[in-house]
Amino acid sequence: MSLQVTLLCVSMGKGISTKSGLPKPYDFSYVEYLVPAENFIQGDHNIQKSGFEVKQITMISNEQLYKKIAATKPLTLVNLELSADPKNPAKNIVTDIKPVTQTNTVAARVGA
């Protein structure tokens, strides 16, 4: 399964935090991407939005995948390849990235 998104950034880190006094290991990897902003209208709430919002999705902790995504120019339209997260099969996790070919883009279909 893949998710076509506008890539924003990729982050990966691991280490040991001593912020709270006791050493606590951490390990994170995620991709951030842009989606069109959506209005929120519910009951007495009416929040109008325009532009884009940032979304985040976990990726496998893999140095080669990190480098592959980091080498992709930000704001590029890409396909994030997704698989079930081994820690939580109800969620998806990024396992690869592939460029969107010109024939698959909206601009290509409308002749821009």
N, C-alpha and C. Protein backbone atom coordinates (compact mmCIF):
# COMPACT_ATOMS: atom_id res chain seq x y z
N MET A 1 0.86 -1.16 0.00
CA MET A 1 0.00 0.00 0.00
C MET A 1 0.91 1.23 0.00
N SER A 2 0.47 2.27 -0.71
CA SER A 2 1.27 3.49 -0.72
C SER A 2 0.37 4.70 -0.46
N LEU A 3 1.02 5.77 -0.04
CA LEU A 3 0.35 7.02 0.28
C LEU A 3 1.07 8.12 -0.48
N GLN A 4 0.36 8.82 -1.38
CA GLN A 4 0.97 9.89 -2.15
C GLN A 4 0.89 11.18 -1.34
N VAL A 5 2.07 11.78 -1.07
CA VAL A 5 2.14 12.96 -0.21
C VAL A 5 3.16 13.96 -0.74
N THR A 6 3.09 15.17 -0.22
CA THR A 6 4.11 16.18 -0.46
C THR A 6 5.07 16.12 0.72
N LEU A 7 6.29 15.67 0.44
CA LEU A 7 7.30 15.44 1.49
C LEU A 7 7.74 16.76 2.11
N LEU A 8 7.82 16.76 3.42
CA LEU A 8 8.32 17.94 4.13
C LEU A 8 9.69 17.65 4.75
N CYS A 9 9.78 16.63 5.60
CA CYS A 9 11.07 16.30 6.21
C CYS A 9 11.05 14.89 6.78
N VAL A 10 12.23 14.42 7.13
CA VAL A 10 12.39 13.11 7.77
C VAL A 10 13.24 13.32 9.01
N SER A 11 12.93 12.61 10.08
CA SER A 11 13.67 12.73 11.33
C SER A 11 13.98 11.34 11.88
N MET A 12 15.16 11.21 12.46
CA MET A 12 15.56 9.94 13.05
C MET A 12 16.51 10.23 14.20
N GLY A 13 16.30 9.60 15.32
CA GLY A 13 17.19 9.82 16.45
C GLY A 13 17.14 8.68 17.44
N LYS A 14 18.24 8.49 18.12
CA LYS A 14 18.28 7.52 19.21
C LYS A 14 19.36 7.95 20.18
N GLY A 15 19.18 7.57 21.41
CA GLY A 15 20.14 7.93 22.44
C GLY A 15 19.58 7.65 23.81
N ILE A 16 20.14 8.31 24.80
CA ILE A 16 19.70 8.14 26.18
C ILE A 16 19.46 9.52 26.77
N SER A 17 18.24 9.76 27.18
CA SER A 17 17.87 11.03 27.78
C SER A 17 18.10 10.97 29.28
N THR A 18 18.72 12.02 29.81
CA THR A 18 18.90 12.12 31.26
C THR A 18 18.17 13.34 31.80
N LYS A 19 17.23 13.83 31.01
CA LYS A 19 16.48 15.05 31.36
C LYS A 19 15.73 14.90 32.68
N SER A 20 15.13 13.72 32.90
CA SER A 20 14.34 13.51 34.12
C SER A 20 15.17 12.94 35.27
N GLY A 21 16.48 12.85 35.08
CA GLY A 21 17.34 12.31 36.14
C GLY A 21 17.75 10.88 35.86
N LEU A 22 16.77 9.99 35.70
CA LEU A 22 17.07 8.60 35.39
C LEU A 22 17.32 8.45 33.90
N PRO A 23 18.37 7.74 33.50
CA PRO A 23 18.61 7.52 32.07
C PRO A 23 17.44 6.77 31.42
N LYS A 24 16.98 7.31 30.30
CA LYS A 24 15.84 6.68 29.60
C LYS A 24 16.18 6.64 28.11
N PRO A 25 16.28 5.43 27.53
CA PRO A 25 16.59 5.35 26.11
C PRO A 25 15.44 5.83 25.24
N TYR A 26 15.78 6.42 24.10
CA TYR A 26 14.77 6.81 23.13
C TYR A 26 15.24 6.41 21.73
N ASP A 27 14.26 6.19 20.86
CA ASP A 27 14.52 5.80 19.47
C ASP A 27 13.29 6.21 18.68
N PHE A 28 13.46 7.13 17.72
CA PHE A 28 12.31 7.56 16.91
C PHE A 28 12.73 7.74 15.47
N SER A 29 11.78 7.54 14.58
CA SER A 29 11.96 7.76 13.15
C SER A 29 10.59 8.11 12.58
N TYR A 30 10.50 9.23 11.88
CA TYR A 30 9.22 9.60 11.29
C TYR A 30 9.42 10.51 10.08
N VAL A 31 8.35 10.56 9.27
CA VAL A 31 8.30 11.41 8.08
C VAL A 31 7.19 12.43 8.32
N GLU A 32 7.45 13.68 7.94
CA GLU A 32 6.42 14.70 8.00
C GLU A 32 6.06 15.11 6.57
N TYR A 33 4.77 15.33 6.35
CA TYR A 33 4.28 15.67 5.03
C TYR A 33 3.14 16.66 5.14
N LEU A 34 2.80 17.28 4.01
CA LEU A 34 1.74 18.30 3.98
C LEU A 34 0.44 17.73 3.44
N VAL A 35 -0.66 18.18 4.03
CA VAL A 35 -2.00 17.86 3.53
C VAL A 35 -2.79 19.16 3.49
N PRO A 36 -3.78 19.25 2.60
CA PRO A 36 -4.61 20.46 2.59
C PRO A 36 -5.31 20.64 3.95
N ALA A 37 -5.33 21.86 4.43
CA ALA A 37 -6.00 22.17 5.70
C ALA A 37 -7.50 21.97 5.55
N GLU A 38 -8.12 21.43 6.58
CA GLU A 38 -9.57 21.19 6.55
C GLU A 38 -10.26 22.02 7.63
N ASN A 39 -11.41 22.56 7.29
CA ASN A 39 -12.22 23.30 8.25
C ASN A 39 -12.72 22.34 9.32
N PHE A 40 -12.98 22.89 10.51
CA PHE A 40 -13.56 22.11 11.60
C PHE A 40 -14.87 22.76 11.99
N ILE A 41 -15.96 22.08 11.69
CA ILE A 41 -17.28 22.60 12.01
C ILE A 41 -18.03 21.52 12.76
N GLN A 42 -18.35 21.82 14.03
CA GLN A 42 -19.07 20.85 14.86
C GLN A 42 -19.78 21.62 15.96
N GLY A 43 -21.10 21.52 16.01
CA GLY A 43 -21.86 22.23 17.03
C GLY A 43 -21.61 23.72 16.96
N ASP A 44 -21.17 24.30 18.09
CA ASP A 44 -20.89 25.73 18.17
C ASP A 44 -19.49 26.09 17.68
N HIS A 45 -18.74 25.10 17.23
CA HIS A 45 -17.37 25.35 16.76
C HIS A 45 -17.35 25.51 15.25
N ASN A 46 -16.70 26.56 14.79
CA ASN A 46 -16.57 26.81 13.36
C ASN A 46 -15.18 27.39 13.13
N ILE A 47 -14.24 26.53 12.79
CA ILE A 47 -12.86 26.95 12.58
C ILE A 47 -12.55 26.83 11.10
N GLN A 48 -12.29 27.97 10.46
CA GLN A 48 -11.98 28.01 9.04
C GLN A 48 -10.47 27.92 8.85
N LYS A 49 -10.05 27.13 7.87
CA LYS A 49 -8.62 26.98 7.59
C LYS A 49 -8.36 27.11 6.10
N SER A 50 -7.16 27.56 5.78
CA SER A 50 -6.73 27.68 4.39
C SER A 50 -5.26 27.32 4.34
N GLY A 51 -4.83 26.67 3.28
CA GLY A 51 -3.42 26.32 3.14
C GLY A 51 -3.18 24.86 3.43
N PHE A 52 -2.12 24.57 4.18
CA PHE A 52 -1.73 23.19 4.44
C PHE A 52 -1.48 22.97 5.92
N GLU A 53 -1.57 21.69 6.32
CA GLU A 53 -1.24 21.27 7.68
C GLU A 53 -0.17 20.19 7.59
N VAL A 54 0.62 20.08 8.65
CA VAL A 54 1.67 19.06 8.70
C VAL A 54 1.12 17.82 9.37
N LYS A 55 1.37 16.66 8.75
CA LYS A 55 1.02 15.36 9.33
C LYS A 55 2.31 14.59 9.52
N GLN A 56 2.30 13.64 10.43
CA GLN A 56 3.48 12.85 10.74
C GLN A 56 3.13 11.37 10.73
N ILE A 57 4.04 10.54 10.20
CA ILE A 57 3.85 9.10 10.20
C ILE A 57 5.18 8.44 10.57
N THR A 58 5.09 7.40 11.38
CA THR A 58 6.28 6.67 11.81
C THR A 58 6.89 5.92 10.64
N MET A 59 8.22 5.78 10.64
CA MET A 59 8.90 4.97 9.64
C MET A 59 9.78 3.95 10.35
N ILE A 60 10.19 2.92 9.62
CA ILE A 60 11.08 1.94 10.23
C ILE A 60 12.39 2.63 10.59
N SER A 61 13.01 2.17 11.65
CA SER A 61 14.28 2.75 12.08
C SER A 61 15.39 2.10 11.25
N ASN A 62 15.72 2.76 10.13
CA ASN A 62 16.67 2.20 9.18
C ASN A 62 17.48 3.34 8.57
N GLU A 63 18.78 3.31 8.77
CA GLU A 63 19.67 4.39 8.32
C GLU A 63 19.61 4.58 6.80
N GLN A 64 19.54 3.47 6.04
CA GLN A 64 19.50 3.60 4.57
C GLN A 64 18.20 4.25 4.10
N LEU A 65 17.08 3.89 4.72
CA LEU A 65 15.81 4.53 4.36
C LEU A 65 15.85 6.01 4.73
N TYR A 66 16.40 6.32 5.90
CA TYR A 66 16.53 7.72 6.30
C TYR A 66 17.32 8.50 5.25
N LYS A 67 18.46 7.97 4.82
CA LYS A 67 19.30 8.65 3.83
C LYS A 67 18.57 8.81 2.50
N LYS A 68 17.81 7.79 2.11
CA LYS A 68 17.06 7.85 0.84
C LYS A 68 16.02 8.96 0.89
N ILE A 69 15.30 9.06 2.00
CA ILE A 69 14.28 10.09 2.13
C ILE A 69 14.94 11.46 2.28
N ALA A 70 16.02 11.55 3.05
CA ALA A 70 16.71 12.82 3.25
C ALA A 70 17.29 13.36 1.95
N ALA A 71 17.62 12.48 1.02
CA ALA A 71 18.17 12.90 -0.27
C ALA A 71 17.09 13.42 -1.22
N THR A 72 15.83 13.24 -0.86
CA THR A 72 14.72 13.72 -1.68
C THR A 72 14.45 15.18 -1.36
N LYS A 73 14.33 15.99 -2.38
CA LYS A 73 14.10 17.43 -2.20
C LYS A 73 12.77 17.66 -1.47
N PRO A 74 12.78 18.49 -0.42
CA PRO A 74 11.52 18.81 0.27
C PRO A 74 10.49 19.40 -0.70
N LEU A 75 9.23 19.21 -0.40
CA LEU A 75 8.08 19.66 -1.17
C LEU A 75 7.93 18.89 -2.49
N THR A 76 8.57 17.72 -2.57
CA THR A 76 8.43 16.85 -3.73
C THR A 76 7.26 15.91 -3.50
N LEU A 77 6.49 15.65 -4.54
CA LEU A 77 5.40 14.69 -4.47
C LEU A 77 6.00 13.29 -4.55
N VAL A 78 5.74 12.46 -3.52
CA VAL A 78 6.31 11.12 -3.44
C VAL A 78 5.24 10.12 -3.03
N ASN A 79 5.55 8.85 -3.24
CA ASN A 79 4.72 7.76 -2.72
C ASN A 79 5.45 7.16 -1.53
N LEU A 80 4.84 7.20 -0.36
CA LEU A 80 5.39 6.52 0.81
C LEU A 80 4.82 5.11 0.81
N GLU A 81 5.71 4.13 0.79
CA GLU A 81 5.28 2.73 0.82
C GLU A 81 5.03 2.35 2.28
N LEU A 82 3.86 1.80 2.55
CA LEU A 82 3.44 1.51 3.92
C LEU A 82 3.28 0.01 4.16
N SER A 83 3.57 -0.40 5.38
CA SER A 83 3.35 -1.77 5.85
C SER A 83 2.78 -1.69 7.26
N ALA A 84 2.27 -2.80 7.75
CA ALA A 84 1.77 -2.83 9.13
C ALA A 84 2.93 -2.63 10.10
N ASP A 85 2.70 -1.82 11.11
CA ASP A 85 3.71 -1.57 12.14
C ASP A 85 3.85 -2.84 12.99
N PRO A 86 5.05 -3.43 13.07
CA PRO A 86 5.21 -4.66 13.85
C PRO A 86 4.88 -4.49 15.33
N LYS A 87 5.03 -3.26 15.86
CA LYS A 87 4.71 -3.01 17.26
C LYS A 87 3.22 -2.80 17.49
N ASN A 88 2.51 -2.40 16.42
CA ASN A 88 1.07 -2.16 16.51
C ASN A 88 0.46 -2.38 15.13
N PRO A 89 0.05 -3.61 14.81
CA PRO A 89 -0.44 -3.93 13.46
C PRO A 89 -1.67 -3.12 13.02
N ALA A 90 -2.31 -2.41 13.93
CA ALA A 90 -3.45 -1.58 13.55
C ALA A 90 -2.99 -0.28 12.89
N LYS A 91 -1.70 0.03 12.97
CA LYS A 91 -1.15 1.24 12.38
C LYS A 91 -0.21 0.90 11.24
N ASN A 92 -0.01 1.88 10.35
CA ASN A 92 0.93 1.73 9.24
C ASN A 92 2.25 2.39 9.58
N ILE A 93 3.31 1.93 8.91
CA ILE A 93 4.65 2.46 9.11
C ILE A 93 5.30 2.58 7.73
N VAL A 94 6.07 3.63 7.50
CA VAL A 94 6.74 3.84 6.22
C VAL A 94 7.91 2.86 6.10
N THR A 95 7.96 2.13 4.97
CA THR A 95 9.03 1.18 4.74
C THR A 95 9.86 1.50 3.50
N ASP A 96 9.39 2.44 2.67
CA ASP A 96 10.14 2.85 1.48
C ASP A 96 9.54 4.13 0.94
N ILE A 97 10.26 4.76 0.03
CA ILE A 97 9.79 5.96 -0.65
C ILE A 97 10.07 5.80 -2.13
N LYS A 98 9.13 6.23 -2.94
CA LYS A 98 9.31 6.16 -4.40
C LYS A 98 8.86 7.48 -5.01
N PRO A 99 9.58 7.92 -6.03
CA PRO A 99 9.16 9.16 -6.70
C PRO A 99 7.85 8.97 -7.43
N VAL A 100 7.10 10.03 -7.56
CA VAL A 100 5.88 10.01 -8.36
C VAL A 100 6.29 10.32 -9.79
N THR A 101 5.98 9.42 -10.69
CA THR A 101 6.33 9.66 -12.08
C THR A 101 5.43 10.73 -12.66
N GLN A 102 5.92 11.45 -13.63
CA GLN A 102 5.17 12.55 -14.23
C GLN A 102 3.82 12.10 -14.76
N THR A 103 3.70 10.87 -15.23
CA THR A 103 2.43 10.39 -15.78
C THR A 103 1.38 10.19 -14.70
N ASN A 104 1.81 10.11 -13.42
CA ASN A 104 0.86 9.91 -12.33
C ASN A 104 0.43 11.20 -11.65
N THR A 105 1.04 12.33 -12.01
CA THR A 105 0.71 13.57 -11.32
C THR A 105 -0.50 14.24 -11.92
N VAL A 106 -1.17 15.05 -11.15
CA VAL A 106 -2.33 15.79 -11.63
C VAL A 106 -1.92 16.69 -12.78
N ALA A 107 -0.77 17.36 -12.66
CA ALA A 107 -0.31 18.27 -13.71
C ALA A 107 -0.14 17.54 -15.04
N ALA A 108 0.36 16.33 -14.99
CA ALA A 108 0.57 15.56 -16.22
C ALA A 108 -0.78 15.17 -16.85
N ARG A 109 -1.77 14.87 -15.99
CA ARG A 109 -3.07 14.44 -16.53
C ARG A 109 -3.84 15.60 -17.17
N VAL A 110 -3.61 16.83 -16.69
CA VAL A 110 -4.33 17.97 -17.25
C VAL A 110 -3.50 18.68 -18.31
N GLY A 111 -2.29 18.21 -18.56
CA GLY A 111 -1.47 18.78 -19.63
C GLY A 111 -0.73 20.05 -19.28
N ALA A 112 -0.50 20.27 -18.01
CA ALA A 112 0.23 21.49 -17.58
C ALA A 112 1.72 21.35 -17.82
